[in-house]
């Protein structure tokens, strides 16, 4: 239940904020038009690309389905895109579902029994798969077989059902929550890292070409620097700058248009949004830099503790703006500098 609550919080804020890496249904529809179709079109993740290319080339050479693939990493880095690319590269159909959608073993058995030979089954959020379905998946992945239970009670019997060879592509933002037996059944695992500014510029140039809008190099660099290392956020910002340029500008995505649009949407030079800055401001000005408890901090910014912890905190910690200690959250020197404040002497932070 805690995981489900966190996913809902992240999805809600993705709809409200340009720089949160989650996505709702409308966001996913917009992304579909910009997704690369082939591995050579996929920007970034060079090591993962090379490894996956080898796996797929070998499978094609043998004329067999590739090993099961597990993709892990933060939201918005391309796990779903890579699953679609795997199916396209193998010339196989793609079946898409998710962990939360499969709550019973029967739900998974129905999906598995309808798979064609070589088909790719994409299981998003695989860490949220129900335990009974998870145990059924073990046998299906390893032996390409499922046992269908017929009847109930003492008269129940198991009928083995042979499955055609297929490939499971699992995606997770929390690889640590996957049980070892499930993790071990994947022949290839890959972790996707955040993108560099140069890689995000290439993503933006490609997306601008697909959208048919002129994008200046300086504007691409500006957007890349505020995208939190995440292609999904970069493409989202690009679409909002396009809106500004078409409504209030001359249609060109220039540096002026980029900065003006990001000012309208309150995305600052580090990629922080309203909630991020509210957390930093509360930490530094109300609590003297901390340490302060999560619940108290959430009350100060008018949000739920889960929202602060799952939406704002990960990026602030990664950028060295906020620290976690046994006594609570603290503002690090970079947070004070970003707000244009000086670290007060004798404050409760580790640096006072």
C-alpha atoms as a PDB file:
ATOM      1  CA  UNK A   1       0.000   0.000   0.000  1.00  0.00           C
ATOM      2  CA  UNK A   2       2.858   2.390   0.755  1.00  0.00           C
ATOM      3  CA  UNK A   3       4.374   1.830  -2.690  1.00  0.00           C
ATOM      4  CA  UNK A   4       0.996   2.399  -4.368  1.00  0.00           C
ATOM      5  CA  UNK A   5       0.476   5.617  -2.410  1.00  0.00           C
ATOM      6  CA  UNK A   6       3.908   6.891  -3.445  1.00  0.00           C
ATOM      7  CA  UNK A   7       3.214   6.080  -7.117  1.00  0.00           C
ATOM      8  CA  UNK A   8      -0.075   8.014  -6.974  1.00  0.00           C
ATOM      9  CA  UNK A   9       1.612  10.995  -5.329  1.00  0.00           C
ATOM     10  CA  UNK A  10       4.355  11.028  -7.968  1.00  0.00           C
ATOM     11  CA  UNK A  11       1.849  10.760 -10.828  1.00  0.00           C
ATOM     12  CA  UNK A  12      -0.301  13.576  -9.422  1.00  0.00           C
ATOM     13  CA  UNK A  13       2.655  15.937  -9.161  1.00  0.00           C
ATOM     14  CA  UNK A  14       3.873  14.956 -12.616  1.00  0.00           C
ATOM     15  CA  UNK A  15       0.624  16.410 -13.940  1.00  0.00           C
ATOM     16  CA  UNK A  16       1.103  19.617 -11.937  1.00  0.00           C
ATOM     17  CA  UNK A  17       4.841  20.219 -12.313  1.00  0.00           C
ATOM     18  CA  UNK A  18       7.003  20.378 -15.429  1.00  0.00           C
ATOM     19  CA  UNK A  19      10.081  18.977 -13.718  1.00  0.00           C
ATOM     20  CA  UNK A  20       8.744  15.857 -12.009  1.00  0.00           C
ATOM     21  CA  UNK A  21       9.783  12.659 -13.768  1.00  0.00           C
ATOM     22  CA  UNK A  22       6.477  10.765 -13.419  1.00  0.00           C
ATOM     23  CA  UNK A  23       3.929  10.745 -16.233  1.00  0.00           C
ATOM     24  CA  UNK A  24       0.150  10.539 -16.525  1.00  0.00           C
ATOM     25  CA  UNK A  25      -1.798   9.165 -19.500  1.00  0.00           C
ATOM     26  CA  UNK A  26      -1.745  12.444 -21.448  1.00  0.00           C
ATOM     27  CA  UNK A  27       1.997  12.725 -20.931  1.00  0.00           C
ATOM     28  CA  UNK A  28       2.564   9.198 -22.202  1.00  0.00           C
ATOM     29  CA  UNK A  29       0.495   9.926 -25.310  1.00  0.00           C
ATOM     30  CA  UNK A  30       2.619  12.993 -26.056  1.00  0.00           C
ATOM     31  CA  UNK A  31       5.804  10.988 -25.509  1.00  0.00           C
ATOM     32  CA  UNK A  32       4.744   8.279 -27.959  1.00  0.00           C
ATOM     33  CA  UNK A  33       5.260  10.567 -30.961  1.00  0.00           C
ATOM     34  CA  UNK A  34       8.837  11.306 -29.878  1.00  0.00           C
ATOM     35  CA  UNK A  35      10.010   7.793 -28.999  1.00  0.00           C
ATOM     36  CA  UNK A  36      12.885   6.334 -31.044  1.00  0.00           C
ATOM     37  CA  UNK A  37      11.912   3.177 -32.913  1.00  0.00           C
ATOM     38  CA  UNK A  38      15.364   1.589 -33.263  1.00  0.00           C
ATOM     39  CA  UNK A  39      18.355   1.095 -31.003  1.00  0.00           C
ATOM     40  CA  UNK A  40      20.583   3.301 -33.162  1.00  0.00           C
ATOM     41  CA  UNK A  41      18.104   6.169 -32.717  1.00  0.00           C
ATOM     42  CA  UNK A  42      18.188   5.886 -28.918  1.00  0.00           C
ATOM     43  CA  UNK A  43      20.262   8.697 -27.413  1.00  0.00           C
ATOM     44  CA  UNK A  44      22.415   8.152 -24.325  1.00  0.00           C
ATOM     45  CA  UNK A  45      22.931   5.040 -22.158  1.00  0.00           C
ATOM     46  CA  UNK A  46      25.856   3.983 -24.375  1.00  0.00           C
ATOM     47  CA  UNK A  47      26.895   0.979 -22.265  1.00  0.00           C
ATOM     48  CA  UNK A  48      23.335  -0.350 -21.993  1.00  0.00           C
ATOM     49  CA  UNK A  49      22.823   0.171 -25.730  1.00  0.00           C
ATOM     50  CA  UNK A  50      25.961  -1.763 -26.614  1.00  0.00           C
ATOM     51  CA  UNK A  51      25.147  -4.629 -24.246  1.00  0.00           C
ATOM     52  CA  UNK A  52      21.528  -4.865 -25.388  1.00  0.00           C
ATOM     53  CA  UNK A  53      22.562  -4.740 -29.050  1.00  0.00           C
ATOM     54  CA  UNK A  54      24.813  -7.747 -28.484  1.00  0.00           C
ATOM     55  CA  UNK A  55      22.012  -9.684 -26.763  1.00  0.00           C
ATOM     56  CA  UNK A  56      19.532  -8.969 -29.580  1.00  0.00           C
ATOM     57  CA  UNK A  57      21.997  -9.652 -32.408  1.00  0.00           C
ATOM     58  CA  UNK A  58      22.907 -13.007 -30.868  1.00  0.00           C
ATOM     59  CA  UNK A  59      19.245 -13.971 -30.461  1.00  0.00           C
ATOM     60  CA  UNK A  60      18.479 -13.035 -34.061  1.00  0.00           C
ATOM     61  CA  UNK A  61      21.460 -15.076 -35.249  1.00  0.00           C
ATOM     62  CA  UNK A  62      20.181 -18.143 -33.407  1.00  0.00           C
ATOM     63  CA  UNK A  63      16.600 -17.514 -34.529  1.00  0.00           C
ATOM     64  CA  UNK A  64      15.364 -17.620 -30.949  1.00  0.00           C
ATOM     65  CA  UNK A  65      13.714 -15.252 -28.499  1.00  0.00           C
ATOM     66  CA  UNK A  66      16.252 -13.213 -26.499  1.00  0.00           C
ATOM     67  CA  UNK A  67      16.778 -13.742 -22.789  1.00  0.00           C
ATOM     68  CA  UNK A  68      14.446 -11.993 -20.363  1.00  0.00           C
ATOM     69  CA  UNK A  69      15.479  -8.372 -19.741  1.00  0.00           C
ATOM     70  CA  UNK A  70      15.238  -6.333 -16.534  1.00  0.00           C
ATOM     71  CA  UNK A  71      15.548  -2.546 -16.812  1.00  0.00           C
ATOM     72  CA  UNK A  72      15.884  -0.493 -13.643  1.00  0.00           C
ATOM     73  CA  UNK A  73      16.384   3.183 -12.920  1.00  0.00           C
ATOM     74  CA  UNK A  74      14.549   6.405 -12.063  1.00  0.00           C
ATOM     75  CA  UNK A  75      11.402   7.383 -13.989  1.00  0.00           C
ATOM     76  CA  UNK A  76      11.669   9.068 -17.361  1.00  0.00           C
ATOM     77  CA  UNK A  77      14.984   7.615 -18.572  1.00  0.00           C
ATOM     78  CA  UNK A  78      13.664   5.349 -21.333  1.00  0.00           C
ATOM     79  CA  UNK A  79      12.753   1.947 -19.871  1.00  0.00           C
ATOM     80  CA  UNK A  80       9.436   1.766 -21.740  1.00  0.00           C
ATOM     81  CA  UNK A  81      11.100   3.015 -24.929  1.00  0.00           C
ATOM     82  CA  UNK A  82      13.755   0.292 -24.722  1.00  0.00           C
ATOM     83  CA  UNK A  83      11.058  -2.357 -24.267  1.00  0.00           C
ATOM     84  CA  UNK A  84       9.364  -1.159 -27.439  1.00  0.00           C
ATOM     85  CA  UNK A  85      12.706  -1.092 -29.250  1.00  0.00           C
ATOM     86  CA  UNK A  86      13.436  -4.698 -28.218  1.00  0.00           C
ATOM     87  CA  UNK A  87      10.155  -5.825 -29.785  1.00  0.00           C
ATOM     88  CA  UNK A  88      10.790  -3.772 -32.924  1.00  0.00           C
ATOM     89  CA  UNK A  89      14.357  -5.020 -33.322  1.00  0.00           C
ATOM     90  CA  UNK A  90      13.178  -8.631 -33.013  1.00  0.00           C
ATOM     91  CA  UNK A  91      10.221  -8.054 -35.332  1.00  0.00           C
ATOM     92  CA  UNK A  92       7.948  -9.379 -32.604  1.00  0.00           C
ATOM     93  CA  UNK A  93       4.592  -8.221 -31.221  1.00  0.00           C
ATOM     94  CA  UNK A  94       4.615  -6.331 -27.906  1.00  0.00           C
ATOM     95  CA  UNK A  95       2.188  -6.987 -25.045  1.00  0.00           C
ATOM     96  CA  UNK A  96       2.120  -4.215 -22.432  1.00  0.00           C
ATOM     97  CA  UNK A  97       0.864  -4.536 -18.863  1.00  0.00           C
ATOM     98  CA  UNK A  98       1.989  -3.537 -15.381  1.00  0.00           C
ATOM     99  CA  UNK A  99       2.469  -4.958 -11.920  1.00  0.00           C
ATOM    100  CA  UNK A 100      -0.484  -3.133 -10.331  1.00  0.00           C
ATOM    101  CA  UNK A 101      -2.805  -4.419 -13.082  1.00  0.00           C
ATOM    102  CA  UNK A 102      -2.057  -8.055 -12.229  1.00  0.00           C
ATOM    103  CA  UNK A 103      -3.398  -8.775  -8.769  1.00  0.00           C
ATOM    104  CA  UNK A 104      -4.124 -12.498  -9.127  1.00  0.00           C
ATOM    105  CA  UNK A 105      -2.293 -15.467 -10.602  1.00  0.00           C
ATOM    106  CA  UNK A 106      -5.252 -16.008 -12.925  1.00  0.00           C
ATOM    107  CA  UNK A 107      -4.783 -12.556 -14.426  1.00  0.00           C
ATOM    108  CA  UNK A 108      -1.196 -13.382 -15.348  1.00  0.00           C
ATOM    109  CA  UNK A 109      -2.096 -16.879 -16.557  1.00  0.00           C
ATOM    110  CA  UNK A 110      -4.613 -15.354 -18.970  1.00  0.00           C
ATOM    111  CA  UNK A 111      -1.949 -13.037 -20.383  1.00  0.00           C
ATOM    112  CA  UNK A 112       0.722 -15.732 -20.637  1.00  0.00           C
ATOM    113  CA  UNK A 113      -1.557 -18.317 -22.269  1.00  0.00           C
ATOM    114  CA  UNK A 114      -2.383 -15.894 -25.094  1.00  0.00           C
ATOM    115  CA  UNK A 115       1.232 -15.039 -25.985  1.00  0.00           C
ATOM    116  CA  UNK A 116       2.552 -15.900 -29.425  1.00  0.00           C
ATOM    117  CA  UNK A 117       5.969 -17.402 -30.089  1.00  0.00           C
ATOM    118  CA  UNK A 118       8.695 -14.771 -29.762  1.00  0.00           C
ATOM    119  CA  UNK A 119       6.305 -12.163 -28.338  1.00  0.00           C
ATOM    120  CA  UNK A 120       7.689  -9.558 -25.935  1.00  0.00           C
ATOM    121  CA  UNK A 121       5.775  -9.109 -22.671  1.00  0.00           C
ATOM    122  CA  UNK A 122       6.512  -5.731 -21.068  1.00  0.00           C
ATOM    123  CA  UNK A 123       5.811  -5.666 -17.334  1.00  0.00           C
ATOM    124  CA  UNK A 124       6.068  -2.102 -16.074  1.00  0.00           C
ATOM    125  CA  UNK A 125       6.450  -1.536 -12.323  1.00  0.00           C
ATOM    126  CA  UNK A 126       7.231  -5.219 -11.958  1.00  0.00           C
ATOM    127  CA  UNK A 127       8.162  -4.678  -8.303  1.00  0.00           C
ATOM    128  CA  UNK A 128       4.437  -4.167  -7.573  1.00  0.00           C
ATOM    129  CA  UNK A 129       3.410  -7.572  -8.922  1.00  0.00           C
ATOM    130  CA  UNK A 130       1.227  -9.537  -6.480  1.00  0.00           C
ATOM    131  CA  UNK A 131       3.008 -12.459  -4.795  1.00  0.00           C
ATOM    132  CA  UNK A 132       0.778 -15.246  -6.250  1.00  0.00           C
ATOM    133  CA  UNK A 133       1.306 -13.861  -9.767  1.00  0.00           C
ATOM    134  CA  UNK A 134       5.015 -13.481  -9.065  1.00  0.00           C
ATOM    135  CA  UNK A 135       5.368 -17.172  -8.191  1.00  0.00           C
ATOM    136  CA  UNK A 136       3.512 -18.147 -11.357  1.00  0.00           C
ATOM    137  CA  UNK A 137       5.875 -15.968 -13.380  1.00  0.00           C
ATOM    138  CA  UNK A 138       8.905 -17.860 -12.030  1.00  0.00           C
ATOM    139  CA  UNK A 139       7.864 -21.079 -13.764  1.00  0.00           C
ATOM    140  CA  UNK A 140       6.727 -19.325 -16.926  1.00  0.00           C
ATOM    141  CA  UNK A 141      10.045 -17.492 -17.357  1.00  0.00           C
ATOM    142  CA  UNK A 142      12.237 -20.505 -16.615  1.00  0.00           C
ATOM    143  CA  UNK A 143      10.330 -23.474 -18.075  1.00  0.00           C
ATOM    144  CA  UNK A 144       7.835 -21.739 -20.418  1.00  0.00           C
ATOM    145  CA  UNK A 145       5.054 -23.544 -18.600  1.00  0.00           C
ATOM    146  CA  UNK A 146       2.222 -22.647 -16.239  1.00  0.00           C
ATOM    147  CA  UNK A 147       0.025 -24.861 -14.116  1.00  0.00           C
ATOM    148  CA  UNK A 148      -3.656 -24.010 -14.493  1.00  0.00           C
ATOM    149  CA  UNK A 149      -5.632 -24.961 -11.379  1.00  0.00           C
ATOM    150  CA  UNK A 150      -8.988 -26.550 -12.171  1.00  0.00           C
ATOM    151  CA  UNK A 151     -11.569 -26.949  -9.398  1.00  0.00           C
ATOM    152  CA  UNK A 152     -11.406 -26.045  -5.733  1.00  0.00           C
ATOM    153  CA  UNK A 153     -10.503 -27.679  -2.456  1.00  0.00           C
ATOM    154  CA  UNK A 154      -9.560 -31.355  -2.271  1.00  0.00           C
ATOM    155  CA  UNK A 155     -10.792 -31.987  -5.803  1.00  0.00           C
ATOM    156  CA  UNK A 156      -8.593 -29.329  -7.393  1.00  0.00           C
ATOM    157  CA  UNK A 157      -6.027 -30.443  -9.956  1.00  0.00           C
ATOM    158  CA  UNK A 158      -3.218 -28.739 -11.814  1.00  0.00           C
ATOM    159  CA  UNK A 159      -3.128 -28.950 -15.600  1.00  0.00           C
ATOM    160  CA  UNK A 160       0.279 -28.055 -17.063  1.00  0.00           C
ATOM    161  CA  UNK A 161       0.089 -25.649 -20.004  1.00  0.00           C
ATOM    162  CA  UNK A 162       3.117 -25.352 -22.276  1.00  0.00           C
ATOM    163  CA  UNK A 163       3.907 -21.833 -23.480  1.00  0.00           C
ATOM    164  CA  UNK A 164       5.721 -20.802 -26.651  1.00  0.00           C
ATOM    165  CA  UNK A 165       9.128 -19.152 -26.098  1.00  0.00           C
ATOM    166  CA  UNK A 166       8.692 -15.459 -25.243  1.00  0.00           C
ATOM    167  CA  UNK A 167      10.672 -12.631 -23.673  1.00  0.00           C
ATOM    168  CA  UNK A 168       9.740 -10.770 -20.506  1.00  0.00           C
ATOM    169  CA  UNK A 169      10.978  -7.196 -20.276  1.00  0.00           C
ATOM    170  CA  UNK A 170      10.539  -5.956 -16.726  1.00  0.00           C
ATOM    171  CA  UNK A 171      10.877  -2.314 -15.728  1.00  0.00           C
ATOM    172  CA  UNK A 172      11.260  -1.052 -12.185  1.00  0.00           C
ATOM    173  CA  UNK A 173      12.224   2.103 -10.357  1.00  0.00           C
ATOM    174  CA  UNK A 174      12.968   0.018  -7.245  1.00  0.00           C
ATOM    175  CA  UNK A 175      15.149  -2.932  -8.134  1.00  0.00           C
ATOM    176  CA  UNK A 176      15.846  -3.562  -4.448  1.00  0.00           C
ATOM    177  CA  UNK A 177      12.206  -4.538  -3.894  1.00  0.00           C
ATOM    178  CA  UNK A 178      12.397  -7.409  -6.381  1.00  0.00           C
ATOM    179  CA  UNK A 179      12.795 -10.804  -4.673  1.00  0.00           C
ATOM    180  CA  UNK A 180      16.008 -12.616  -5.562  1.00  0.00           C
ATOM    181  CA  UNK A 181      14.241 -15.578  -7.265  1.00  0.00           C
ATOM    182  CA  UNK A 182      12.555 -13.216  -9.721  1.00  0.00           C
ATOM    183  CA  UNK A 183      15.644 -11.094 -10.297  1.00  0.00           C
ATOM    184  CA  UNK A 184      17.746 -14.196 -11.010  1.00  0.00           C
ATOM    185  CA  UNK A 185      15.467 -15.313 -13.829  1.00  0.00           C
ATOM    186  CA  UNK A 186      16.420 -12.349 -16.004  1.00  0.00           C
ATOM    187  CA  UNK A 187      19.257 -13.179 -18.367  1.00  0.00           C
ATOM    188  CA  UNK A 188      20.173  -9.515 -18.878  1.00  0.00           C
ATOM    189  CA  UNK A 189      19.822  -6.707 -16.361  1.00  0.00           C
ATOM    190  CA  UNK A 190      20.614  -3.064 -16.970  1.00  0.00           C
ATOM    191  CA  UNK A 191      20.481   0.066 -14.855  1.00  0.00           C
ATOM    192  CA  UNK A 192      19.712   3.349 -16.619  1.00  0.00           C
ATOM    193  CA  UNK A 193      21.611   6.400 -15.370  1.00  0.00           C
ATOM    194  CA  UNK A 194      20.741  10.082 -15.560  1.00  0.00           C
ATOM    195  CA  UNK A 195      21.723  11.821 -18.793  1.00  0.00           C
ATOM    196  CA  UNK A 196      24.486  14.370 -19.273  1.00  0.00           C
ATOM    197  CA  UNK A 197      23.692  17.868 -20.571  1.00  0.00           C
ATOM    198  CA  UNK A 198      25.212  17.003 -23.969  1.00  0.00           C
ATOM    199  CA  UNK A 199      23.039  13.903 -24.297  1.00  0.00           C
ATOM    200  CA  UNK A 200      19.923  15.865 -23.376  1.00  0.00           C
ATOM    201  CA  UNK A 201      20.780  18.464 -26.025  1.00  0.00           C
ATOM    202  CA  UNK A 202      20.843  15.690 -28.618  1.00  0.00           C
ATOM    203  CA  UNK A 203      17.467  14.436 -27.339  1.00  0.00           C
ATOM    204  CA  UNK A 204      16.020  17.941 -27.628  1.00  0.00           C
ATOM    205  CA  UNK A 205      17.378  18.536 -31.144  1.00  0.00           C
ATOM    206  CA  UNK A 206      15.896  15.231 -32.302  1.00  0.00           C
ATOM    207  CA  UNK A 207      12.526  15.948 -30.646  1.00  0.00           C
ATOM    208  CA  UNK A 208      12.388  19.478 -32.098  1.00  0.00           C
ATOM    209  CA  UNK A 209      12.931  17.996 -35.551  1.00  0.00           C
ATOM    210  CA  UNK A 210      10.056  15.548 -35.046  1.00  0.00           C
ATOM    211  CA  UNK A 211       7.825  18.365 -33.799  1.00  0.00           C
ATOM    212  CA  UNK A 212       8.810  20.520 -36.775  1.00  0.00           C
ATOM    213  CA  UNK A 213       9.965  23.519 -34.743  1.00  0.00           C
ATOM    214  CA  UNK A 214      13.268  25.444 -35.076  1.00  0.00           C
ATOM    215  CA  UNK A 215      15.403  25.107 -31.938  1.00  0.00           C
ATOM    216  CA  UNK A 216      18.454  27.314 -31.334  1.00  0.00           C
ATOM    217  CA  UNK A 217      21.570  25.677 -29.937  1.00  0.00           C
ATOM    218  CA  UNK A 218      21.600  28.098 -26.987  1.00  0.00           C
ATOM    219  CA  UNK A 219      17.951  27.280 -26.212  1.00  0.00           C
ATOM    220  CA  UNK A 220      18.692  23.539 -26.334  1.00  0.00           C
ATOM    221  CA  UNK A 221      21.589  24.006 -23.914  1.00  0.00           C
ATOM    222  CA  UNK A 222      19.388  26.045 -21.565  1.00  0.00           C
ATOM    223  CA  UNK A 223      16.630  23.441 -21.565  1.00  0.00           C
ATOM    224  CA  UNK A 224      19.118  20.609 -21.063  1.00  0.00           C
ATOM    225  CA  UNK A 225      20.622  22.316 -18.025  1.00  0.00           C
ATOM    226  CA  UNK A 226      17.193  22.542 -16.352  1.00  0.00           C
ATOM    227  CA  UNK A 227      15.944  19.033 -17.186  1.00  0.00           C
ATOM    228  CA  UNK A 228      17.339  17.164 -14.162  1.00  0.00           C
ATOM    229  CA  UNK A 229      19.187  14.697 -16.363  1.00  0.00           C
ATOM    230  CA  UNK A 230      15.860  13.224 -17.546  1.00  0.00           C
ATOM    231  CA  UNK A 231      14.716  13.029 -21.212  1.00  0.00           C
ATOM    232  CA  UNK A 232      11.035  12.982 -20.232  1.00  0.00           C
ATOM    233  CA  UNK A 233      11.443  16.333 -18.462  1.00  0.00           C
ATOM    234  CA  UNK A 234      13.488  17.730 -21.360  1.00  0.00           C
ATOM    235  CA  UNK A 235      10.760  16.867 -23.871  1.00  0.00           C
ATOM    236  CA  UNK A 236       8.101  18.278 -21.547  1.00  0.00           C
ATOM    237  CA  UNK A 237       9.961  21.585 -21.239  1.00  0.00           C
ATOM    238  CA  UNK A 238      10.478  21.659 -25.008  1.00  0.00           C
ATOM    239  CA  UNK A 239       6.731  21.419 -25.619  1.00  0.00           C
ATOM    240  CA  UNK A 240       6.024  24.244 -23.170  1.00  0.00           C
ATOM    241  CA  UNK A 241       8.657  26.474 -24.779  1.00  0.00           C
ATOM    242  CA  UNK A 242       7.078  25.705 -28.149  1.00  0.00           C
ATOM    243  CA  UNK A 243       3.732  26.872 -26.738  1.00  0.00           C
ATOM    244  CA  UNK A 244       5.295  30.134 -25.522  1.00  0.00           C
ATOM    245  CA  UNK A 245       7.064  30.731 -28.841  1.00  0.00           C
ATOM    246  CA  UNK A 246       3.887  30.166 -30.863  1.00  0.00           C
ATOM    247  CA  UNK A 247       1.627  32.281 -28.629  1.00  0.00           C
ATOM    248  CA  UNK A 248       3.897  35.066 -27.386  1.00  0.00           C
ATOM    249  CA  UNK A 249       6.941  34.860 -29.650  1.00  0.00           C
ATOM    250  CA  UNK A 250       7.752  34.505 -33.331  1.00  0.00           C
ATOM    251  CA  UNK A 251       7.586  30.710 -33.416  1.00  0.00           C
ATOM    252  CA  UNK A 252      11.331  30.230 -33.020  1.00  0.00           C
ATOM    253  CA  UNK A 253      12.582  28.385 -29.967  1.00  0.00           C
ATOM    254  CA  UNK A 254      15.310  30.877 -29.077  1.00  0.00           C
ATOM    255  CA  UNK A 255      17.202  31.385 -25.831  1.00  0.00           C
ATOM    256  CA  UNK A 256      14.883  34.289 -24.983  1.00  0.00           C
ATOM    257  CA  UNK A 257      11.826  32.131 -25.613  1.00  0.00           C
ATOM    258  CA  UNK A 258      13.245  29.295 -23.497  1.00  0.00           C
ATOM    259  CA  UNK A 259      14.054  31.517 -20.530  1.00  0.00           C
ATOM    260  CA  UNK A 260      10.765  33.387 -20.751  1.00  0.00           C
ATOM    261  CA  UNK A 261       8.715  30.189 -20.880  1.00  0.00           C
ATOM    262  CA  UNK A 262      10.596  28.632 -17.973  1.00  0.00           C
ATOM    263  CA  UNK A 263      10.052  31.796 -15.956  1.00  0.00           C
ATOM    264  CA  UNK A 264       6.319  31.510 -16.597  1.00  0.00           C
ATOM    265  CA  UNK A 265       6.340  27.905 -15.384  1.00  0.00           C
ATOM    266  CA  UNK A 266       8.602  28.744 -12.405  1.00  0.00           C
ATOM    267  CA  UNK A 267      11.462  26.416 -13.345  1.00  0.00           C
ATOM    268  CA  UNK A 268      14.725  27.987 -12.177  1.00  0.00           C
ATOM    269  CA  UNK A 269      18.277  27.569 -13.477  1.00  0.00           C
ATOM    270  CA  UNK A 270      18.854  24.366 -11.474  1.00  0.00           C
ATOM    271  CA  UNK A 271      15.567  22.842 -12.612  1.00  0.00           C
ATOM    272  CA  UNK A 272      13.863  23.438  -9.262  1.00  0.00           C
ATOM    273  CA  UNK A 273      10.125  24.095  -9.218  1.00  0.00           C
ATOM    274  CA  UNK A 274       7.826  25.746  -6.679  1.00  0.00           C
ATOM    275  CA  UNK A 275       7.771  22.825  -4.255  1.00  0.00           C
ATOM    276  CA  UNK A 276      11.542  22.360  -4.362  1.00  0.00           C
ATOM    277  CA  UNK A 277      12.172  26.016  -3.574  1.00  0.00           C
ATOM    278  CA  UNK A 278       9.518  25.978  -0.861  1.00  0.00           C
ATOM    279  CA  UNK A 279      11.324  23.101   0.863  1.00  0.00           C
ATOM    280  CA  UNK A 280      14.686  24.879   0.655  1.00  0.00           C
ATOM    281  CA  UNK A 281      13.235  28.187   1.815  1.00  0.00           C
ATOM    282  CA  UNK A 282      11.496  26.582   4.790  1.00  0.00           C
ATOM    283  CA  UNK A 283      14.647  24.694   5.768  1.00  0.00           C
ATOM    284  CA  UNK A 284      16.870  27.765   5.598  1.00  0.00           C
ATOM    285  CA  UNK A 285      14.624  30.591   6.793  1.00  0.00           C
ATOM    286  CA  UNK A 286      12.181  28.936   9.198  1.00  0.00           C
ATOM    287  CA  UNK A 287      14.367  26.256  10.716  1.00  0.00           C
ATOM    288  CA  UNK A 288      17.837  27.798  10.454  1.00  0.00           C
ATOM    289  CA  UNK A 289      19.042  25.046   8.141  1.00  0.00           C
ATOM    290  CA  UNK A 290      17.777  22.189  10.316  1.00  0.00           C
ATOM    291  CA  UNK A 291      17.873  19.461  11.313  1.00  0.00           C
ATOM    292  CA  UNK A 292      14.094  19.254  11.074  1.00  0.00           C
ATOM    293  CA  UNK A 293      11.765  16.252  10.882  1.00  0.00           C
ATOM    294  CA  UNK A 294      10.017  15.304   7.652  1.00  0.00           C
ATOM    295  CA  UNK A 295       6.512  15.797   9.059  1.00  0.00           C
ATOM    296  CA  UNK A 296       7.344  19.259  10.420  1.00  0.00           C
ATOM    297  CA  UNK A 297       8.937  20.242   7.117  1.00  0.00           C
ATOM    298  CA  UNK A 298       5.890  19.020   5.183  1.00  0.00           C
ATOM    299  CA  UNK A 299       3.541  21.050   7.380  1.00  0.00           C
ATOM    300  CA  UNK A 300       5.692  24.134   6.793  1.00  0.00           C
ATOM    301  CA  UNK A 301       5.323  23.857   3.006  1.00  0.00           C
ATOM    302  CA  UNK A 302       1.664  22.789   3.094  1.00  0.00           C
ATOM    303  CA  UNK A 303       2.142  19.312   1.646  1.00  0.00           C
ATOM    304  CA  UNK A 304       1.879  15.718   2.788  1.00  0.00           C
ATOM    305  CA  UNK A 305       5.067  14.065   4.112  1.00  0.00           C
ATOM    306  CA  UNK A 306       4.897  11.479   1.293  1.00  0.00           C
ATOM    307  CA  UNK A 307       4.868  14.295  -1.254  1.00  0.00           C
ATOM    308  CA  UNK A 308       7.973  15.949   0.152  1.00  0.00           C
ATOM    309  CA  UNK A 309       9.789  12.635   0.530  1.00  0.00           C
ATOM    310  CA  UNK A 310       8.980  11.121  -2.883  1.00  0.00           C
ATOM    311  CA  UNK A 311       8.565  14.175  -5.132  1.00  0.00           C
ATOM    312  CA  UNK A 312      10.921  16.924  -3.936  1.00  0.00           C
ATOM    313  CA  UNK A 313      13.547  15.255  -1.796  1.00  0.00           C
ATOM    314  CA  UNK A 314      15.251  12.818  -4.221  1.00  0.00           C
ATOM    315  CA  UNK A 315      16.469  15.565  -6.580  1.00  0.00           C
ATOM    316  CA  UNK A 316      17.399  17.944  -3.760  1.00  0.00           C
ATOM    317  CA  UNK A 317      19.510  15.227  -2.127  1.00  0.00           C
ATOM    318  CA  UNK A 318      21.092  14.203  -5.440  1.00  0.00           C
ATOM    319  CA  UNK A 319      22.087  17.796  -6.193  1.00  0.00           C
ATOM    320  CA  UNK A 320      23.669  18.262  -2.772  1.00  0.00           C
ATOM    321  CA  UNK A 321      21.111  20.817  -1.596  1.00  0.00           C
ATOM    322  CA  UNK A 322      19.537  18.800   1.222  1.00  0.00           C
ATOM    323  CA  UNK A 323      21.012  16.164   3.490  1.00  0.00           C
ATOM    324  CA  UNK A 324      19.362  13.391   5.504  1.00  0.00           C
ATOM    325  CA  UNK A 325      20.601  12.763   9.033  1.00  0.00           C
ATOM    326  CA  UNK A 326      19.289  10.658  11.932  1.00  0.00           C
ATOM    327  CA  UNK A 327      17.975  13.881  13.479  1.00  0.00           C
ATOM    328  CA  UNK A 328      16.181  15.111  10.352  1.00  0.00           C
ATOM    329  CA  UNK A 329      16.697  17.042   7.114  1.00  0.00           C
ATOM    330  CA  UNK A 330      19.399  19.711   6.866  1.00  0.00           C
ATOM    331  CA  UNK A 331      20.181  22.399   4.320  1.00  0.00           C
ATOM    332  CA  UNK A 332      23.626  21.976   2.792  1.00  0.00           C
ATOM    333  CA  UNK A 333      25.811  24.955   1.777  1.00  0.00           C
ATOM    334  CA  UNK A 334      24.644  24.718  -1.855  1.00  0.00           C
ATOM    335  CA  UNK A 335      21.056  25.348  -0.721  1.00  0.00           C
ATOM    336  CA  UNK A 336      21.995  28.560   1.057  1.00  0.00           C
ATOM    337  CA  UNK A 337      24.004  29.691  -1.964  1.00  0.00           C
ATOM    338  CA  UNK A 338      21.149  28.937  -4.359  1.00  0.00           C
ATOM    339  CA  UNK A 339      18.784  31.070  -2.285  1.00  0.00           C
ATOM    340  CA  UNK A 340      21.362  33.848  -2.046  1.00  0.00           C
ATOM    341  CA  UNK A 341      21.715  33.425   1.723  1.00  0.00           C
ATOM    342  CA  UNK A 342      24.696  33.034   4.011  1.00  0.00           C
ATOM    343  CA  UNK A 343      25.024  30.067   6.339  1.00  0.00           C
ATOM    344  CA  UNK A 344      24.450  31.552   9.805  1.00  0.00           C
ATOM    345  CA  UNK A 345      27.159  30.915  12.384  1.00  0.00           C
ATOM    346  CA  UNK A 346      26.035  28.683  15.213  1.00  0.00           C
ATOM    347  CA  UNK A 347      23.137  27.262  13.217  1.00  0.00           C
ATOM    348  CA  UNK A 348      21.935  23.713  13.753  1.00  0.00           C
ATOM    349  CA  UNK A 349      23.359  22.439  10.468  1.00  0.00           C
ATOM    350  CA  UNK A 350      26.484  20.367  10.202  1.00  0.00           C
ATOM    351  CA  UNK A 351      28.192  23.357   8.614  1.00  0.00           C
ATOM    352  CA  UNK A 352      27.211  26.132  11.017  1.00  0.00           C
END
